[in-house]
Amino acid sequence: MKRKLLMATSILALSMVSFAFTLIQQSKPWPVPEKSAKMANPVKADKASIAAGKSLWNLHCASCHGKTGLGDGSKAAQLKTQPEDMTKAALQGQSDGSMYYKISEGRDDMPSFKKKIPDAEDIWNVVNYIRTLKK
């Protein structure tokens, strides 16, 4: 009986540590260099840009962030951190330059896309598409 209680307590403690680590990871700030944050989007958010961004989103982003940007993609459960919900006001409030930087550079589970999407205009197209994902 003592052994089962000790095992259950150990499992609970490990689960709590894992959960706390996940919360810390998710709430960890993602600083963006000021120069990047202030970078203006040179691509007009017209139908062509948004369509191109959506196509790239479906190819590179939807598997983690979900088709509609809610962070519920098919690979999301396999990640250490929950993918961002792109529809939230806090994310939508970020500058285009900040989004561009994060897509280009990546961090932790979020890969860098500067080699997968080497054309800067295409990354700006993705930023323009993300702007359409508001609730």
N, C-alpha and C. Protein backbone atom coordinates (compact mmCIF):
# COMPACT_ATOMS: atom_id res chain seq x y z
N MET A 1 0.83 -1.20 0.00
CA MET A 1 0.00 0.00 0.00
C MET A 1 0.87 1.26 0.00
N LYS A 2 1.91 1.27 0.87
CA LYS A 2 2.79 2.43 0.92
C LYS A 2 3.47 2.65 -0.43
N ARG A 3 3.84 1.54 -1.07
CA ARG A 3 4.53 1.63 -2.36
C ARG A 3 3.62 2.26 -3.42
N LYS A 4 2.35 1.86 -3.44
CA LYS A 4 1.39 2.42 -4.39
C LYS A 4 1.17 3.90 -4.12
N LEU A 5 1.08 4.26 -2.85
CA LEU A 5 0.89 5.67 -2.48
C LEU A 5 2.11 6.50 -2.88
N LEU A 6 3.30 5.96 -2.63
CA LEU A 6 4.53 6.65 -3.00
C LEU A 6 4.60 6.82 -4.52
N MET A 7 4.24 5.78 -5.25
CA MET A 7 4.26 5.85 -6.71
C MET A 7 3.25 6.88 -7.22
N ALA A 8 2.05 6.87 -6.67
CA ALA A 8 1.03 7.83 -7.09
C ALA A 8 1.47 9.25 -6.77
N THR A 9 2.07 9.46 -5.62
CA THR A 9 2.56 10.79 -5.23
C THR A 9 3.67 11.23 -6.16
N SER A 10 4.57 10.33 -6.52
CA SER A 10 5.66 10.65 -7.43
C SER A 10 5.13 11.04 -8.81
N ILE A 11 4.18 10.27 -9.29
CA ILE A 11 3.59 10.57 -10.60
C ILE A 11 2.90 11.93 -10.58
N LEU A 12 2.17 12.21 -9.52
CA LEU A 12 1.49 13.50 -9.39
C LEU A 12 2.50 14.64 -9.36
N ALA A 13 3.58 14.46 -8.61
CA ALA A 13 4.61 15.51 -8.52
C ALA A 13 5.26 15.75 -9.88
N LEU A 14 5.59 14.69 -10.58
CA LEU A 14 6.18 14.84 -11.91
C LEU A 14 5.22 15.52 -12.88
N SER A 15 3.96 15.18 -12.80
CA SER A 15 2.95 15.81 -13.66
C SER A 15 2.85 17.30 -13.37
N MET A 16 2.90 17.65 -12.10
CA MET A 16 2.80 19.07 -11.73
C MET A 16 4.02 19.84 -12.22
N VAL A 17 5.21 19.26 -12.10
CA VAL A 17 6.43 19.91 -12.58
C VAL A 17 6.35 20.09 -14.08
N SER A 18 5.92 19.06 -14.79
CA SER A 18 5.79 19.13 -16.24
C SER A 18 4.79 20.21 -16.65
N PHE A 19 3.65 20.25 -15.97
CA PHE A 19 2.63 21.26 -16.26
C PHE A 19 3.17 22.66 -16.01
N ALA A 20 3.87 22.84 -14.89
CA ALA A 20 4.44 24.16 -14.57
C ALA A 20 5.45 24.58 -15.62
N PHE A 21 6.28 23.64 -16.06
CA PHE A 21 7.27 23.95 -17.09
C PHE A 21 6.57 24.37 -18.38
N THR A 22 5.51 23.69 -18.74
CA THR A 22 4.75 24.04 -19.94
C THR A 22 4.18 25.45 -19.83
N LEU A 23 3.63 25.79 -18.67
CA LEU A 23 3.09 27.14 -18.49
C LEU A 23 4.18 28.20 -18.60
N ILE A 24 5.34 27.91 -18.03
CA ILE A 24 6.45 28.86 -18.10
C ILE A 24 6.88 29.03 -19.55
N GLN A 25 6.99 27.92 -20.28
CA GLN A 25 7.38 27.99 -21.68
C GLN A 25 6.38 28.81 -22.49
N GLN A 26 5.08 28.62 -22.24
CA GLN A 26 4.06 29.31 -23.01
C GLN A 26 4.02 30.80 -22.69
N SER A 27 4.34 31.17 -21.48
CA SER A 27 4.25 32.57 -21.11
C SER A 27 5.59 33.30 -21.25
N LYS A 28 6.61 32.59 -21.72
CA LYS A 28 7.93 33.18 -21.87
C LYS A 28 7.86 34.27 -22.94
N PRO A 29 8.27 35.48 -22.60
CA PRO A 29 8.23 36.56 -23.59
C PRO A 29 9.12 36.25 -24.80
N TRP A 30 8.70 36.75 -25.93
CA TRP A 30 9.48 36.57 -27.15
C TRP A 30 9.92 37.96 -27.61
N PRO A 31 11.07 38.39 -27.13
CA PRO A 31 11.53 39.74 -27.50
C PRO A 31 11.89 39.82 -28.98
N VAL A 32 11.57 40.94 -29.56
CA VAL A 32 11.88 41.21 -30.96
C VAL A 32 12.76 42.45 -30.99
N PRO A 33 13.88 42.40 -31.69
CA PRO A 33 14.72 43.60 -31.78
C PRO A 33 13.92 44.80 -32.28
N GLU A 34 14.18 45.94 -31.71
CA GLU A 34 13.41 47.16 -32.04
C GLU A 34 13.40 47.43 -33.54
N LYS A 35 14.54 47.26 -34.17
CA LYS A 35 14.64 47.52 -35.62
C LYS A 35 13.67 46.61 -36.39
N SER A 36 13.58 45.35 -35.98
CA SER A 36 12.67 44.42 -36.65
C SER A 36 11.21 44.76 -36.34
N ALA A 37 10.93 45.09 -35.09
CA ALA A 37 9.56 45.42 -34.69
C ALA A 37 9.03 46.63 -35.45
N LYS A 38 9.91 47.56 -35.77
CA LYS A 38 9.50 48.79 -36.46
C LYS A 38 9.49 48.64 -37.99
N MET A 39 9.92 47.49 -38.48
CA MET A 39 9.97 47.28 -39.91
C MET A 39 8.56 47.32 -40.50
N ALA A 40 8.38 48.13 -41.52
CA ALA A 40 7.08 48.25 -42.18
C ALA A 40 6.90 47.14 -43.21
N ASN A 41 5.67 46.69 -43.35
CA ASN A 41 5.34 45.67 -44.33
C ASN A 41 5.31 46.33 -45.71
N PRO A 42 6.23 45.93 -46.60
CA PRO A 42 6.27 46.55 -47.93
C PRO A 42 5.26 45.95 -48.92
N VAL A 43 4.54 44.91 -48.49
CA VAL A 43 3.61 44.23 -49.39
C VAL A 43 2.18 44.64 -49.05
N LYS A 44 1.48 45.21 -50.03
CA LYS A 44 0.10 45.62 -49.84
C LYS A 44 -0.77 44.39 -49.56
N ALA A 45 -1.64 44.50 -48.58
CA ALA A 45 -2.52 43.39 -48.20
C ALA A 45 -3.73 43.31 -49.13
N ASP A 46 -3.45 43.03 -50.39
CA ASP A 46 -4.54 42.90 -51.37
C ASP A 46 -4.93 41.42 -51.52
N LYS A 47 -5.91 41.15 -52.38
CA LYS A 47 -6.40 39.78 -52.54
C LYS A 47 -5.30 38.81 -52.96
N ALA A 48 -4.41 39.26 -53.85
CA ALA A 48 -3.33 38.39 -54.34
C ALA A 48 -2.36 38.04 -53.22
N SER A 49 -1.99 39.03 -52.42
CA SER A 49 -1.07 38.78 -51.30
C SER A 49 -1.70 37.85 -50.27
N ILE A 50 -2.94 38.10 -49.92
CA ILE A 50 -3.63 37.28 -48.93
C ILE A 50 -3.80 35.85 -49.44
N ALA A 51 -4.11 35.68 -50.71
CA ALA A 51 -4.24 34.34 -51.28
C ALA A 51 -2.89 33.61 -51.26
N ALA A 52 -1.82 34.32 -51.60
CA ALA A 52 -0.49 33.72 -51.56
C ALA A 52 -0.12 33.35 -50.13
N GLY A 53 -0.44 34.24 -49.19
CA GLY A 53 -0.16 33.97 -47.77
C GLY A 53 -0.94 32.78 -47.26
N LYS A 54 -2.19 32.66 -47.67
CA LYS A 54 -3.03 31.54 -47.24
C LYS A 54 -2.45 30.22 -47.77
N SER A 55 -2.00 30.22 -49.00
CA SER A 55 -1.41 29.02 -49.59
C SER A 55 -0.17 28.60 -48.80
N LEU A 56 0.68 29.56 -48.48
CA LEU A 56 1.88 29.26 -47.69
C LEU A 56 1.51 28.83 -46.27
N TRP A 57 0.49 29.47 -45.70
CA TRP A 57 0.00 29.09 -44.38
C TRP A 57 -0.41 27.62 -44.36
N ASN A 58 -1.22 27.23 -45.36
CA ASN A 58 -1.69 25.86 -45.43
C ASN A 58 -0.54 24.86 -45.58
N LEU A 59 0.50 25.26 -46.28
CA LEU A 59 1.65 24.40 -46.52
C LEU A 59 2.57 24.31 -45.30
N HIS A 60 2.82 25.43 -44.65
CA HIS A 60 3.84 25.48 -43.60
C HIS A 60 3.33 25.69 -42.17
N CYS A 61 2.17 26.27 -41.99
CA CYS A 61 1.75 26.72 -40.66
C CYS A 61 0.56 25.97 -40.08
N ALA A 62 -0.36 25.56 -40.92
CA ALA A 62 -1.62 24.98 -40.45
C ALA A 62 -1.44 23.70 -39.64
N SER A 63 -0.39 22.95 -39.92
CA SER A 63 -0.20 21.69 -39.19
C SER A 63 -0.01 21.93 -37.69
N CYS A 64 0.49 23.06 -37.31
CA CYS A 64 0.64 23.40 -35.88
C CYS A 64 -0.41 24.43 -35.43
N HIS A 65 -0.55 25.51 -36.20
CA HIS A 65 -1.44 26.60 -35.80
C HIS A 65 -2.90 26.36 -36.17
N GLY A 66 -3.18 25.36 -37.00
CA GLY A 66 -4.55 25.06 -37.39
C GLY A 66 -4.96 25.84 -38.63
N LYS A 67 -5.97 25.33 -39.33
CA LYS A 67 -6.46 25.96 -40.57
C LYS A 67 -6.92 27.39 -40.34
N THR A 68 -7.54 27.64 -39.18
CA THR A 68 -8.07 28.97 -38.91
C THR A 68 -7.24 29.73 -37.86
N GLY A 69 -6.04 29.20 -37.53
CA GLY A 69 -5.13 29.92 -36.65
C GLY A 69 -5.38 29.80 -35.17
N LEU A 70 -6.18 28.82 -34.75
CA LEU A 70 -6.53 28.70 -33.32
C LEU A 70 -5.49 27.96 -32.50
N GLY A 71 -4.42 27.48 -33.14
CA GLY A 71 -3.40 26.72 -32.42
C GLY A 71 -3.77 25.26 -32.25
N ASP A 72 -4.68 24.77 -33.08
CA ASP A 72 -5.22 23.42 -32.94
C ASP A 72 -4.89 22.52 -34.13
N GLY A 73 -3.71 22.72 -34.71
CA GLY A 73 -3.32 21.90 -35.85
C GLY A 73 -3.05 20.46 -35.46
N SER A 74 -2.93 19.60 -36.45
CA SER A 74 -2.75 18.16 -36.21
C SER A 74 -1.47 17.83 -35.46
N LYS A 75 -0.45 18.66 -35.54
CA LYS A 75 0.82 18.43 -34.83
C LYS A 75 0.90 19.14 -33.48
N ALA A 76 -0.08 19.95 -33.16
CA ALA A 76 -0.03 20.79 -31.95
C ALA A 76 0.17 19.98 -30.68
N ALA A 77 -0.51 18.86 -30.56
CA ALA A 77 -0.44 18.05 -29.34
C ALA A 77 0.94 17.42 -29.15
N GLN A 78 1.72 17.32 -30.18
CA GLN A 78 3.05 16.71 -30.11
C GLN A 78 4.12 17.70 -29.66
N LEU A 79 3.79 18.97 -29.59
CA LEU A 79 4.77 20.02 -29.27
C LEU A 79 4.90 20.24 -27.78
N LYS A 80 6.05 20.76 -27.36
CA LYS A 80 6.28 21.07 -25.96
C LYS A 80 5.49 22.30 -25.52
N THR A 81 5.25 23.20 -26.47
CA THR A 81 4.49 24.42 -26.17
C THR A 81 3.28 24.49 -27.10
N GLN A 82 2.20 25.01 -26.60
CA GLN A 82 0.99 25.18 -27.39
C GLN A 82 1.22 26.25 -28.45
N PRO A 83 0.95 25.96 -29.71
CA PRO A 83 1.09 27.00 -30.74
C PRO A 83 0.18 28.19 -30.44
N GLU A 84 0.63 29.35 -30.82
CA GLU A 84 -0.14 30.57 -30.60
C GLU A 84 -1.49 30.52 -31.30
N ASP A 85 -2.47 31.10 -30.65
CA ASP A 85 -3.78 31.33 -31.26
C ASP A 85 -3.65 32.65 -32.00
N MET A 86 -3.60 32.59 -33.30
CA MET A 86 -3.34 33.77 -34.12
C MET A 86 -4.53 34.72 -34.18
N THR A 87 -5.67 34.32 -33.64
CA THR A 87 -6.86 35.17 -33.68
C THR A 87 -6.94 36.08 -32.46
N LYS A 88 -6.13 35.85 -31.45
CA LYS A 88 -6.21 36.64 -30.21
C LYS A 88 -5.74 38.07 -30.43
N ALA A 89 -6.37 38.97 -29.70
CA ALA A 89 -6.06 40.39 -29.83
C ALA A 89 -4.59 40.68 -29.53
N ALA A 90 -4.02 39.98 -28.55
CA ALA A 90 -2.62 40.22 -28.18
C ALA A 90 -1.69 39.91 -29.36
N LEU A 91 -1.96 38.85 -30.07
CA LEU A 91 -1.13 38.53 -31.22
C LEU A 91 -1.41 39.49 -32.37
N GLN A 92 -2.69 39.76 -32.62
CA GLN A 92 -3.05 40.68 -33.70
C GLN A 92 -2.53 42.09 -33.44
N GLY A 93 -2.27 42.41 -32.17
CA GLY A 93 -1.76 43.73 -31.81
C GLY A 93 -0.27 43.90 -32.06
N GLN A 94 0.40 42.81 -32.39
CA GLN A 94 1.83 42.91 -32.68
C GLN A 94 2.04 43.59 -34.03
N SER A 95 3.19 44.21 -34.17
CA SER A 95 3.50 44.87 -35.44
C SER A 95 3.76 43.83 -36.52
N ASP A 96 3.59 44.24 -37.77
CA ASP A 96 3.91 43.35 -38.89
C ASP A 96 5.37 42.93 -38.83
N GLY A 97 6.23 43.87 -38.47
CA GLY A 97 7.66 43.57 -38.37
C GLY A 97 7.96 42.50 -37.32
N SER A 98 7.23 42.55 -36.20
CA SER A 98 7.41 41.53 -35.17
C SER A 98 7.00 40.16 -35.68
N MET A 99 5.87 40.11 -36.37
CA MET A 99 5.42 38.83 -36.94
C MET A 99 6.43 38.31 -37.95
N TYR A 100 6.90 39.19 -38.81
CA TYR A 100 7.88 38.81 -39.82
C TYR A 100 9.12 38.22 -39.15
N TYR A 101 9.60 38.89 -38.12
CA TYR A 101 10.79 38.44 -37.39
C TYR A 101 10.57 37.05 -36.80
N LYS A 102 9.44 36.84 -36.16
CA LYS A 102 9.17 35.56 -35.50
C LYS A 102 9.04 34.42 -36.51
N ILE A 103 8.41 34.70 -37.65
CA ILE A 103 8.29 33.68 -38.69
C ILE A 103 9.68 33.37 -39.26
N SER A 104 10.46 34.39 -39.50
CA SER A 104 11.80 34.21 -40.08
C SER A 104 12.75 33.49 -39.14
N GLU A 105 12.78 33.92 -37.90
CA GLU A 105 13.78 33.43 -36.95
C GLU A 105 13.37 32.18 -36.18
N GLY A 106 12.10 32.08 -35.82
CA GLY A 106 11.64 30.94 -35.03
C GLY A 106 12.18 30.97 -33.61
N ARG A 107 11.68 30.02 -32.79
CA ARG A 107 12.12 29.86 -31.40
C ARG A 107 11.49 28.59 -30.85
N ASP A 108 12.26 27.81 -30.12
CA ASP A 108 11.76 26.59 -29.51
C ASP A 108 11.06 25.72 -30.55
N ASP A 109 9.80 25.38 -30.31
CA ASP A 109 9.05 24.53 -31.25
C ASP A 109 8.74 25.23 -32.58
N MET A 110 8.74 26.54 -32.58
CA MET A 110 8.47 27.30 -33.80
C MET A 110 9.75 27.34 -34.64
N PRO A 111 9.76 26.65 -35.79
CA PRO A 111 10.98 26.65 -36.60
C PRO A 111 11.21 27.97 -37.31
N SER A 112 12.44 28.19 -37.70
CA SER A 112 12.79 29.32 -38.56
C SER A 112 12.31 29.00 -39.97
N PHE A 113 11.69 29.98 -40.61
CA PHE A 113 11.21 29.76 -41.97
C PHE A 113 12.01 30.52 -43.01
N LYS A 114 13.13 31.13 -42.63
CA LYS A 114 13.88 31.91 -43.61
C LYS A 114 14.50 31.05 -44.71
N LYS A 115 14.69 29.75 -44.46
CA LYS A 115 15.17 28.85 -45.53
C LYS A 115 14.02 28.16 -46.25
N LYS A 116 12.95 27.84 -45.52
CA LYS A 116 11.79 27.18 -46.14
C LYS A 116 10.99 28.15 -46.99
N ILE A 117 10.97 29.42 -46.58
CA ILE A 117 10.29 30.48 -47.33
C ILE A 117 11.33 31.57 -47.58
N PRO A 118 12.24 31.35 -48.53
CA PRO A 118 13.37 32.27 -48.70
C PRO A 118 13.04 33.63 -49.29
N ASP A 119 11.90 33.77 -49.95
CA ASP A 119 11.51 35.04 -50.54
C ASP A 119 10.83 35.90 -49.48
N ALA A 120 11.44 37.02 -49.14
CA ALA A 120 10.90 37.90 -48.09
C ALA A 120 9.46 38.30 -48.38
N GLU A 121 9.14 38.53 -49.64
CA GLU A 121 7.77 38.92 -50.00
C GLU A 121 6.77 37.84 -49.59
N ASP A 122 7.17 36.58 -49.69
CA ASP A 122 6.27 35.50 -49.30
C ASP A 122 6.01 35.51 -47.78
N ILE A 123 7.02 35.82 -47.00
CA ILE A 123 6.80 35.90 -45.55
C ILE A 123 5.86 37.07 -45.24
N TRP A 124 6.03 38.18 -45.94
CA TRP A 124 5.10 39.30 -45.75
C TRP A 124 3.69 38.90 -46.16
N ASN A 125 3.56 38.08 -47.19
CA ASN A 125 2.23 37.58 -47.59
C ASN A 125 1.60 36.77 -46.46
N VAL A 126 2.41 35.96 -45.78
CA VAL A 126 1.90 35.19 -44.63
C VAL A 126 1.44 36.15 -43.54
N VAL A 127 2.21 37.19 -43.28
CA VAL A 127 1.81 38.19 -42.28
C VAL A 127 0.47 38.80 -42.68
N ASN A 128 0.32 39.15 -43.94
CA ASN A 128 -0.96 39.72 -44.40
C ASN A 128 -2.11 38.73 -44.21
N TYR A 129 -1.85 37.45 -44.46
CA TYR A 129 -2.89 36.44 -44.24
C TYR A 129 -3.23 36.32 -42.76
N ILE A 130 -2.21 36.33 -41.91
CA ILE A 130 -2.47 36.23 -40.45
C ILE A 130 -3.40 37.35 -40.00
N ARG A 131 -3.29 38.51 -40.58
CA ARG A 131 -4.16 39.64 -40.23
C ARG A 131 -5.64 39.35 -40.51
N THR A 132 -5.93 38.38 -41.38
CA THR A 132 -7.32 38.04 -41.68
C THR A 132 -7.91 37.04 -40.68
N LEU A 133 -7.09 36.54 -39.77
CA LEU A 133 -7.53 35.48 -38.85
C LEU A 133 -8.15 36.01 -37.56
N LYS A 134 -8.64 37.21 -37.57
CA LYS A 134 -9.27 37.79 -36.37
C LYS A 134 -10.57 37.10 -36.06
N LYS A 135 -10.90 37.07 -34.77
CA LYS A 135 -12.17 36.48 -34.33
C LYS A 135 -13.33 37.38 -34.67
